[in-house]
């Protein structure tokens, strides 16, 4: 995606109660769902967990998502993240950073999440 209206978001999945194997599984599932959207996904180099043998950025749960600022892609991305978190019983959170502005999606009520997401989408959509 090299269009001038391309936006980039860094997503970081955090799961306090997950070991490296579970975090890897969760990150791959999230990546598969995001892959169904009109976005470009790339792994983000991150810190290696203790005992890790190789740098697998998916294992540490970070993704770079490039998407068109036009066409409503961003609200669809946010909705996908919200739905994915909703299916995870609130045990995990996703930090999304765009242009240095970070929003943390986690254990909020549906109404609180919706307000937070709407404000973030207005700033970056």
Protein backbone atom coordinates (compact mmCIF):
# COMPACT_ATOMS: atom_id res chain seq x y z
CA UNK A 1 0.00 0.00 0.00
CA UNK A 2 1.80 3.07 -1.19
CA UNK A 3 -1.08 5.47 -1.79
CA UNK A 4 -0.69 8.92 -0.25
CA UNK A 5 -3.75 8.40 1.95
CA UNK A 6 -2.32 5.28 3.60
CA UNK A 7 -2.48 5.27 7.40
CA UNK A 8 -0.51 3.01 9.70
CA UNK A 9 -1.43 1.63 13.08
CA UNK A 10 0.74 -0.44 15.38
CA UNK A 11 -1.23 -3.08 17.27
CA UNK A 12 0.18 -4.72 20.37
CA UNK A 13 -1.67 -7.65 21.89
CA UNK A 14 -1.14 -8.12 25.61
CA UNK A 15 -2.36 -11.10 27.61
CA UNK A 16 -1.17 -11.05 31.22
CA UNK A 17 -2.40 -14.57 31.93
CA UNK A 18 -0.95 -16.13 28.77
CA UNK A 19 2.36 -17.91 28.30
CA UNK A 20 4.40 -17.37 25.13
CA UNK A 21 2.68 -20.24 23.33
CA UNK A 22 -0.83 -18.96 24.08
CA UNK A 23 0.13 -15.39 23.15
CA UNK A 24 1.49 -16.68 19.85
CA UNK A 25 -1.75 -18.58 19.19
CA UNK A 26 -3.87 -15.52 20.05
CA UNK A 27 -1.76 -13.22 17.87
CA UNK A 28 -2.03 -15.58 14.92
CA UNK A 29 -5.82 -15.79 15.29
CA UNK A 30 -6.07 -12.01 15.45
CA UNK A 31 -3.81 -11.68 12.43
CA UNK A 32 -5.97 -14.15 10.48
CA UNK A 33 -9.11 -12.13 11.22
CA UNK A 34 -7.41 -8.85 10.31
CA UNK A 35 -6.18 -10.47 7.11
CA UNK A 36 -9.80 -10.66 5.92
CA UNK A 37 -9.94 -6.85 5.87
CA UNK A 38 -8.62 -4.55 3.14
CA UNK A 39 -5.40 -3.92 5.07
CA UNK A 40 -1.73 -4.80 4.76
CA UNK A 41 -0.23 -6.60 7.76
CA UNK A 42 3.42 -6.74 8.74
CA UNK A 43 5.16 -8.10 11.79
CA UNK A 44 6.81 -5.53 14.03
CA UNK A 45 10.21 -6.36 15.48
CA UNK A 46 9.94 -6.60 19.22
CA UNK A 47 11.74 -7.76 22.27
CA UNK A 48 12.32 -11.47 22.55
CA UNK A 49 10.68 -13.21 25.47
CA UNK A 50 13.09 -14.93 27.86
CA UNK A 51 14.16 -18.25 26.39
CA UNK A 52 12.99 -17.45 22.85
CA UNK A 53 15.15 -18.95 20.11
CA UNK A 54 14.37 -16.55 17.25
CA UNK A 55 12.80 -13.17 16.67
CA UNK A 56 9.21 -13.97 15.74
CA UNK A 57 7.35 -10.68 16.08
CA UNK A 58 3.99 -12.44 15.94
CA UNK A 59 5.01 -14.29 19.09
CA UNK A 60 5.32 -11.00 20.96
CA UNK A 61 1.96 -9.89 19.60
CA UNK A 62 2.86 -6.80 17.56
CA UNK A 63 1.58 -5.97 14.09
CA UNK A 64 1.83 -3.01 11.75
CA UNK A 65 -1.45 -2.47 9.92
CA UNK A 66 -1.48 -0.25 6.83
CA UNK A 67 -4.86 0.83 5.51
CA UNK A 68 -6.46 3.44 3.29
CA UNK A 69 -7.70 6.51 5.13
CA UNK A 70 -10.60 6.62 2.66
CA UNK A 71 -13.38 4.11 2.20
CA UNK A 72 -14.26 3.33 5.81
CA UNK A 73 -11.49 0.79 6.36
CA UNK A 74 -10.49 2.21 9.76
CA UNK A 75 -13.93 1.81 11.39
CA UNK A 76 -13.99 -1.79 10.10
CA UNK A 77 -10.56 -2.42 11.61
CA UNK A 78 -11.66 -1.04 14.96
CA UNK A 79 -14.89 -3.05 14.86
CA UNK A 80 -12.93 -6.24 14.13
CA UNK A 81 -10.63 -5.57 17.10
CA UNK A 82 -13.62 -4.87 19.34
CA UNK A 83 -15.39 -8.06 18.28
CA UNK A 84 -12.24 -10.13 18.69
CA UNK A 85 -11.72 -8.81 22.21
CA UNK A 86 -15.37 -9.46 23.03
CA UNK A 87 -14.89 -13.12 22.20
CA UNK A 88 -11.87 -13.31 24.50
CA UNK A 89 -13.88 -12.84 27.71
CA UNK A 90 -12.04 -9.61 28.53
CA UNK A 91 -8.81 -11.39 29.45
CA UNK A 92 -6.67 -9.55 26.93
CA UNK A 93 -6.08 -6.06 25.65
CA UNK A 94 -4.91 -4.48 22.43
CA UNK A 95 -3.01 -1.22 22.26
CA UNK A 96 -3.44 0.63 18.97
CA UNK A 97 -1.08 3.51 18.17
CA UNK A 98 -1.51 5.90 15.27
CA UNK A 99 0.73 8.96 14.91
CA UNK A 100 1.82 8.67 18.56
CA UNK A 101 -1.78 8.52 19.82
CA UNK A 102 -2.52 5.28 21.67
CA UNK A 103 -5.84 3.78 22.64
CA UNK A 104 -6.05 0.71 24.85
CA UNK A 105 -8.94 -1.66 24.25
CA UNK A 106 -9.61 -4.03 27.12
CA UNK A 107 -12.02 -4.84 29.95
CA UNK A 108 -14.42 -1.96 29.58
CA UNK A 109 -18.16 -2.29 29.32
CA UNK A 110 -19.53 -2.34 25.80
CA UNK A 111 -20.78 1.25 26.20
CA UNK A 112 -17.40 2.46 27.51
CA UNK A 113 -15.55 0.71 24.68
CA UNK A 114 -17.93 2.19 22.13
CA UNK A 115 -17.38 5.75 23.43
CA UNK A 116 -13.61 5.30 23.44
CA UNK A 117 -13.59 3.81 19.96
CA UNK A 118 -15.85 6.52 18.53
CA UNK A 119 -13.55 9.25 19.89
CA UNK A 120 -10.47 7.51 18.47
CA UNK A 121 -12.13 6.98 15.08
CA UNK A 122 -13.10 10.67 14.93
CA UNK A 123 -9.47 11.65 15.49
CA UNK A 124 -8.01 9.19 12.97
CA UNK A 125 -10.80 8.06 10.65
